[in-house]
Amino acid sequence: MFKSRVSLLLCSGLMACASTDLASSGLLGDTSGFEQRGDDLLVDPLADEDGLRGYTRVRIERVIVHLRPEVRERGVGPNQQRQMAGLFTKALRAELGEHFELVDDPSVRAADLLLVRAAITDAEPGDPEAGTPGNGTIEVEILDSSSRKRRAAAISRKSARKLGTTEGERKAEADFAFRDWARAIREWLVSATNR
């Protein structure tokens, strides 16, 4: 039951993309036991089968951007990385804040508090000359704040809906993707916690 909810976590909000060799950047540790669910999703099948009942608060840890050097060389510089992290953090806060109390104090550890760790681990700018839209990958890990035990983890890839040819269009596409991922995470957490 939990595994299907993890699939819903990101599948419900993801657009189809071309088949890829989806792999962790290493931020989630050993993902060799993760299960592939379609072309754009890997999930940790060993997460707690009892769901996440009893959690009423979340703390969103700082979203990190961990890009491969060749991606940075293609024009995803520090300013764009900060923008991406900011957009994703804003989207997570907006979505999760609708159903959970947001806790900002990093010293708080409580039985009803989940930690949400998210990382943008790949960002492929679109190529107007080739006519290919951009895409990106996120890794997300949800932990119990007291025990630091992993309750869920997933890696997901998303393609842009269309090719952005201007900076504004590319930012709008990134914002849409981050809001879509955040909505999917919120839907899953609300379902898993019975809220």
C-alpha atoms as a PDB file:
ATOM      1  CA  MET A   1       0.000   0.000   0.000  1.00  0.00           C
ATOM      2  CA  PHE A   2       2.766   2.428   0.901  1.00  0.00           C
ATOM      3  CA  LYS A   3       4.678   1.595  -2.265  1.00  0.00           C
ATOM      4  CA  SER A   4       1.690   2.492  -4.412  1.00  0.00           C
ATOM      5  CA  ARG A   5       1.344   5.773  -2.503  1.00  0.00           C
ATOM      6  CA  VAL A   6       4.992   6.563  -3.153  1.00  0.00           C
ATOM      7  CA  SER A   7       4.304   5.996  -6.848  1.00  0.00           C
ATOM      8  CA  LEU A   8       1.366   8.374  -6.571  1.00  0.00           C
ATOM      9  CA  LEU A   9       3.653  10.865  -4.873  1.00  0.00           C
ATOM     10  CA  LEU A  10       5.314  11.763  -8.110  1.00  0.00           C
ATOM     11  CA  CYS A  11       3.539   9.835 -10.876  1.00  0.00           C
ATOM     12  CA  SER A  12       0.277  11.707 -10.438  1.00  0.00           C
ATOM     13  CA  GLY A  13       1.973  14.987 -11.187  1.00  0.00           C
ATOM     14  CA  LEU A  14       4.512  13.938 -13.766  1.00  0.00           C
ATOM     15  CA  MET A  15       4.365  14.331 -17.480  1.00  0.00           C
ATOM     16  CA  ALA A  16       5.636  11.546 -19.674  1.00  0.00           C
ATOM     17  CA  CYS A  17       9.180  11.838 -20.840  1.00  0.00           C
ATOM     18  CA  ALA A  18      11.477   9.778 -22.969  1.00  0.00           C
ATOM     19  CA  SER A  19      12.960   6.662 -21.438  1.00  0.00           C
ATOM     20  CA  THR A  20      16.088   7.457 -19.494  1.00  0.00           C
ATOM     21  CA  ASP A  21      18.600   5.670 -17.338  1.00  0.00           C
ATOM     22  CA  LEU A  22      17.334   7.326 -14.184  1.00  0.00           C
ATOM     23  CA  ALA A  23      19.958   7.158 -11.451  1.00  0.00           C
ATOM     24  CA  SER A  24      20.691   8.799  -8.141  1.00  0.00           C
ATOM     25  CA  SER A  25      23.304  11.500  -7.867  1.00  0.00           C
ATOM     26  CA  GLY A  26      24.442   9.764  -4.698  1.00  0.00           C
ATOM     27  CA  LEU A  27      22.613  12.086  -2.319  1.00  0.00           C
ATOM     28  CA  LEU A  28      20.202   9.320  -1.268  1.00  0.00           C
ATOM     29  CA  GLY A  29      22.982   6.846  -0.610  1.00  0.00           C
ATOM     30  CA  ASP A  30      22.743   3.357  -2.057  1.00  0.00           C
ATOM     31  CA  THR A  31      19.734   3.199  -4.375  1.00  0.00           C
ATOM     32  CA  SER A  32      20.509  -0.202  -5.865  1.00  0.00           C
ATOM     33  CA  GLY A  33      17.378  -1.597  -4.194  1.00  0.00           C
ATOM     34  CA  PHE A  34      15.086   1.133  -5.528  1.00  0.00           C
ATOM     35  CA  GLU A  35      12.378   0.002  -7.925  1.00  0.00           C
ATOM     36  CA  GLN A  36      11.768   1.583 -11.308  1.00  0.00           C
ATOM     37  CA  ARG A  37       8.157   2.690 -11.768  1.00  0.00           C
ATOM     38  CA  GLY A  38       7.919   3.786 -15.364  1.00  0.00           C
ATOM     39  CA  ASP A  39      10.545   5.717 -17.249  1.00  0.00           C
ATOM     40  CA  ASP A  40      10.693   8.669 -14.884  1.00  0.00           C
ATOM     41  CA  LEU A  41      10.427   7.356 -11.320  1.00  0.00           C
ATOM     42  CA  LEU A  42      12.521   5.280  -8.910  1.00  0.00           C
ATOM     43  CA  VAL A  43      11.195   4.612  -5.394  1.00  0.00           C
ATOM     44  CA  ASP A  44      12.553   3.088  -2.206  1.00  0.00           C
ATOM     45  CA  PRO A  45      10.441  -0.047  -1.685  1.00  0.00           C
ATOM     46  CA  LEU A  46      11.703  -0.554   1.872  1.00  0.00           C
ATOM     47  CA  ALA A  47       9.883   2.427   3.371  1.00  0.00           C
ATOM     48  CA  ASP A  48       7.576   1.881   6.337  1.00  0.00           C
ATOM     49  CA  GLU A  49       4.455  -0.008   5.264  1.00  0.00           C
ATOM     50  CA  ASP A  50       2.380   1.542   8.095  1.00  0.00           C
ATOM     51  CA  GLY A  51       2.115   4.893   6.384  1.00  0.00           C
ATOM     52  CA  LEU A  52       2.723   8.188   8.099  1.00  0.00           C
ATOM     53  CA  ARG A  53      -0.282   8.584  10.376  1.00  0.00           C
ATOM     54  CA  GLY A  54       0.222  10.991  13.251  1.00  0.00           C
ATOM     55  CA  TYR A  55       2.447  13.487  11.466  1.00  0.00           C
ATOM     56  CA  THR A  56       0.948  16.977  11.492  1.00  0.00           C
ATOM     57  CA  ARG A  57       3.991  19.186  10.943  1.00  0.00           C
ATOM     58  CA  VAL A  58       6.779  19.381   8.381  1.00  0.00           C
ATOM     59  CA  ARG A  59      10.100  21.124   8.123  1.00  0.00           C
ATOM     60  CA  ILE A  60      11.378  21.692   4.632  1.00  0.00           C
ATOM     61  CA  GLU A  61      15.130  21.586   4.726  1.00  0.00           C
ATOM     62  CA  ARG A  62      17.101  23.800   2.380  1.00  0.00           C
ATOM     63  CA  VAL A  63      16.655  22.629  -1.196  1.00  0.00           C
ATOM     64  CA  ILE A  64      20.054  21.926  -2.658  1.00  0.00           C
ATOM     65  CA  VAL A  65      21.188  21.933  -6.250  1.00  0.00           C
ATOM     66  CA  HIS A  66      23.730  19.253  -7.053  1.00  0.00           C
ATOM     67  CA  LEU A  67      24.474  19.332 -10.774  1.00  0.00           C
ATOM     68  CA  ARG A  68      26.969  17.373 -12.801  1.00  0.00           C
ATOM     69  CA  PRO A  69      29.904  19.510 -14.027  1.00  0.00           C
ATOM     70  CA  GLU A  70      28.883  19.131 -17.690  1.00  0.00           C
ATOM     71  CA  VAL A  71      25.437  20.543 -16.871  1.00  0.00           C
ATOM     72  CA  ARG A  72      26.969  23.592 -15.189  1.00  0.00           C
ATOM     73  CA  GLU A  73      29.146  24.049 -18.276  1.00  0.00           C
ATOM     74  CA  ARG A  74      26.025  24.253 -20.449  1.00  0.00           C
ATOM     75  CA  GLY A  75      24.913  27.444 -18.800  1.00  0.00           C
ATOM     76  CA  VAL A  76      23.260  26.480 -15.503  1.00  0.00           C
ATOM     77  CA  GLY A  77      25.312  28.849 -13.389  1.00  0.00           C
ATOM     78  CA  PRO A  78      25.096  29.844  -9.717  1.00  0.00           C
ATOM     79  CA  ASN A  79      22.349  32.443 -10.251  1.00  0.00           C
ATOM     80  CA  GLN A  80      20.137  29.975 -12.097  1.00  0.00           C
ATOM     81  CA  GLN A  81      20.811  27.338  -9.442  1.00  0.00           C
ATOM     82  CA  ARG A  82      19.723  29.752  -6.700  1.00  0.00           C
ATOM     83  CA  GLN A  83      16.608  30.614  -8.704  1.00  0.00           C
ATOM     84  CA  MET A  84      15.738  26.921  -9.124  1.00  0.00           C
ATOM     85  CA  ALA A  85      16.227  26.202  -5.421  1.00  0.00           C
ATOM     86  CA  GLY A  86      14.138  29.249  -4.535  1.00  0.00           C
ATOM     87  CA  LEU A  87      11.302  28.291  -6.887  1.00  0.00           C
ATOM     88  CA  PHE A  88      11.189  24.723  -5.570  1.00  0.00           C
ATOM     89  CA  THR A  89      11.332  25.837  -1.914  1.00  0.00           C
ATOM     90  CA  LYS A  90       8.535  28.348  -2.509  1.00  0.00           C
ATOM     91  CA  ALA A  91       6.415  25.692  -4.220  1.00  0.00           C
ATOM     92  CA  LEU A  92       6.977  23.163  -1.408  1.00  0.00           C
ATOM     93  CA  ARG A  93       6.105  25.730   1.281  1.00  0.00           C
ATOM     94  CA  ALA A  94       2.954  26.806  -0.541  1.00  0.00           C
ATOM     95  CA  GLU A  95       1.702  23.262  -1.121  1.00  0.00           C
ATOM     96  CA  LEU A  96       2.648  21.679   2.204  1.00  0.00           C
ATOM     97  CA  GLY A  97       1.619  24.738   4.201  1.00  0.00           C
ATOM     98  CA  GLU A  98      -1.997  24.177   3.135  1.00  0.00           C
ATOM     99  CA  HIS A  99      -2.249  20.953   5.154  1.00  0.00           C
ATOM    100  CA  PHE A 100       0.635  20.877   7.614  1.00  0.00           C
ATOM    101  CA  GLU A 101       2.071  23.283  10.139  1.00  0.00           C
ATOM    102  CA  LEU A 102       5.409  24.456   8.765  1.00  0.00           C
ATOM    103  CA  VAL A 103       8.254  24.383  11.288  1.00  0.00           C
ATOM    104  CA  ASP A 104      11.294  26.504  10.489  1.00  0.00           C
ATOM    105  CA  ASP A 105      13.350  25.962  13.655  1.00  0.00           C
ATOM    106  CA  PRO A 106      15.985  23.288  12.857  1.00  0.00           C
ATOM    107  CA  SER A 107      16.383  22.384  16.538  1.00  0.00           C
ATOM    108  CA  VAL A 108      12.792  21.100  16.840  1.00  0.00           C
ATOM    109  CA  ARG A 109      12.469  17.330  16.912  1.00  0.00           C
ATOM    110  CA  ALA A 110       9.070  15.849  17.634  1.00  0.00           C
ATOM    111  CA  ALA A 111       7.066  12.683  17.077  1.00  0.00           C
ATOM    112  CA  ASP A 112       4.629  14.520  14.792  1.00  0.00           C
ATOM    113  CA  LEU A 113       7.269  16.253  12.629  1.00  0.00           C
ATOM    114  CA  LEU A 114       8.531  15.085   9.238  1.00  0.00           C
ATOM    115  CA  LEU A 115      11.651  16.400   7.547  1.00  0.00           C
ATOM    116  CA  VAL A 116      11.423  16.926   3.798  1.00  0.00           C
ATOM    117  CA  ARG A 117      14.774  16.946   2.027  1.00  0.00           C
ATOM    118  CA  ALA A 118      14.792  17.753  -1.659  1.00  0.00           C
ATOM    119  CA  ALA A 119      17.553  18.181  -4.179  1.00  0.00           C
ATOM    120  CA  ILE A 120      17.614  19.212  -7.796  1.00  0.00           C
ATOM    121  CA  THR A 121      20.177  16.812  -9.157  1.00  0.00           C
ATOM    122  CA  ASP A 122      20.006  17.379 -12.892  1.00  0.00           C
ATOM    123  CA  ALA A 123      18.895  20.254 -15.080  1.00  0.00           C
ATOM    124  CA  GLU A 124      19.198  20.017 -18.824  1.00  0.00           C
ATOM    125  CA  PRO A 125      18.604  23.336 -20.565  1.00  0.00           C
ATOM    126  CA  GLY A 126      16.436  23.226 -23.677  1.00  0.00           C
ATOM    127  CA  ASP A 127      18.102  23.456 -27.066  1.00  0.00           C
ATOM    128  CA  PRO A 128      16.161  25.761 -29.413  1.00  0.00           C
ATOM    129  CA  GLU A 129      18.311  24.767 -32.402  1.00  0.00           C
ATOM    130  CA  ALA A 130      17.571  21.071 -31.906  1.00  0.00           C
ATOM    131  CA  GLY A 131      13.979  21.775 -30.849  1.00  0.00           C
ATOM    132  CA  THR A 132      14.318  19.874 -27.562  1.00  0.00           C
ATOM    133  CA  PRO A 133      12.749  21.141 -24.327  1.00  0.00           C
ATOM    134  CA  GLY A 134      14.642  21.162 -21.061  1.00  0.00           C
ATOM    135  CA  ASN A 135      14.231  18.565 -18.344  1.00  0.00           C
ATOM    136  CA  GLY A 136      15.250  18.036 -14.758  1.00  0.00           C
ATOM    137  CA  THR A 137      15.597  15.473 -12.007  1.00  0.00           C
ATOM    138  CA  ILE A 138      14.806  15.746  -8.323  1.00  0.00           C
ATOM    139  CA  GLU A 139      15.567  13.489  -5.404  1.00  0.00           C
ATOM    140  CA  VAL A 140      13.356  13.658  -2.324  1.00  0.00           C
ATOM    141  CA  GLU A 141      13.721  12.016   1.052  1.00  0.00           C
ATOM    142  CA  ILE A 142      11.208  12.151   3.892  1.00  0.00           C
ATOM    143  CA  LEU A 143      12.466  11.426   7.411  1.00  0.00           C
ATOM    144  CA  ASP A 144      11.100  11.189  10.920  1.00  0.00           C
ATOM    145  CA  SER A 145      12.518  14.225  12.756  1.00  0.00           C
ATOM    146  CA  SER A 146      13.198  12.374  16.006  1.00  0.00           C
ATOM    147  CA  SER A 147      14.796   9.165  14.768  1.00  0.00           C
ATOM    148  CA  ARG A 148      16.069  10.519  11.422  1.00  0.00           C
ATOM    149  CA  LYS A 149      14.721   7.265   9.969  1.00  0.00           C
ATOM    150  CA  ARG A 150      13.892   7.414   6.270  1.00  0.00           C
ATOM    151  CA  ARG A 151      10.157   7.052   5.744  1.00  0.00           C
ATOM    152  CA  ALA A 152      10.164   7.484   1.953  1.00  0.00           C
ATOM    153  CA  ALA A 153      12.470   8.370  -0.915  1.00  0.00           C
ATOM    154  CA  ALA A 154      12.130   8.836  -4.640  1.00  0.00           C
ATOM    155  CA  ILE A 155      13.965  10.054  -7.717  1.00  0.00           C
ATOM    156  CA  SER A 156      11.926  11.597 -10.493  1.00  0.00           C
ATOM    157  CA  ARG A 157      12.568  13.169 -13.883  1.00  0.00           C
ATOM    158  CA  LYS A 158      10.326  15.637 -15.673  1.00  0.00           C
ATOM    159  CA  SER A 159      10.421  17.174 -19.136  1.00  0.00           C
ATOM    160  CA  ALA A 160       9.228  20.684 -19.862  1.00  0.00           C
ATOM    161  CA  ARG A 161       5.842  20.983 -21.546  1.00  0.00           C
ATOM    162  CA  LYS A 162       7.274  23.090 -24.318  1.00  0.00           C
ATOM    163  CA  LEU A 163      10.527  24.534 -25.533  1.00  0.00           C
ATOM    164  CA  GLY A 164      11.241  27.837 -23.833  1.00  0.00           C
ATOM    165  CA  THR A 165      13.073  30.187 -26.166  1.00  0.00           C
ATOM    166  CA  THR A 166      13.332  33.169 -23.826  1.00  0.00           C
ATOM    167  CA  GLU A 167      14.594  33.453 -20.259  1.00  0.00           C
ATOM    168  CA  GLY A 168      11.053  34.254 -19.090  1.00  0.00           C
ATOM    169  CA  GLU A 169       9.586  31.189 -20.813  1.00  0.00           C
ATOM    170  CA  ARG A 170      12.268  28.929 -19.357  1.00  0.00           C
ATOM    171  CA  LYS A 171      11.643  30.315 -15.864  1.00  0.00           C
ATOM    172  CA  ALA A 172       7.894  29.796 -16.285  1.00  0.00           C
ATOM    173  CA  GLU A 173       8.465  26.178 -17.326  1.00  0.00           C
ATOM    174  CA  ALA A 174      10.770  25.555 -14.351  1.00  0.00           C
ATOM    175  CA  ASP A 175       8.222  27.137 -12.018  1.00  0.00           C
ATOM    176  CA  PHE A 176       5.475  24.911 -13.450  1.00  0.00           C
ATOM    177  CA  ALA A 177       7.615  21.787 -12.997  1.00  0.00           C
ATOM    178  CA  PHE A 178       8.514  22.634  -9.388  1.00  0.00           C
ATOM    179  CA  ARG A 179       4.869  23.425  -8.527  1.00  0.00           C
ATOM    180  CA  ASP A 180       3.843  20.129 -10.131  1.00  0.00           C
ATOM    181  CA  TRP A 181       6.408  18.173  -8.101  1.00  0.00           C
ATOM    182  CA  ALA A 182       5.433  20.022  -4.896  1.00  0.00           C
ATOM    183  CA  ARG A 183       1.734  19.327  -5.506  1.00  0.00           C
ATOM    184  CA  ALA A 184       2.441  15.629  -6.007  1.00  0.00           C
ATOM    185  CA  ILE A 185       4.467  15.498  -2.774  1.00  0.00           C
ATOM    186  CA  ARG A 186       1.654  17.272  -0.908  1.00  0.00           C
ATOM    187  CA  GLU A 187      -1.011  14.920  -2.298  1.00  0.00           C
ATOM    188  CA  TRP A 188       0.999  11.899  -1.233  1.00  0.00           C
ATOM    189  CA  LEU A 189       1.736  13.229   2.274  1.00  0.00           C
ATOM    190  CA  VAL A 190      -1.903  14.178   2.845  1.00  0.00           C
ATOM    191  CA  SER A 191      -2.965  10.685   1.768  1.00  0.00           C
ATOM    192  CA  ALA A 192      -0.257   8.917   3.773  1.00  0.00           C
ATOM    193  CA  THR A 193      -0.973  10.879   6.959  1.00  0.00           C
ATOM    194  CA  ASN A 194      -4.786  10.643   6.650  1.00  0.00           C
ATOM    195  CA  ARG A 195      -5.154  14.429   6.825  1.00  0.00           C
END
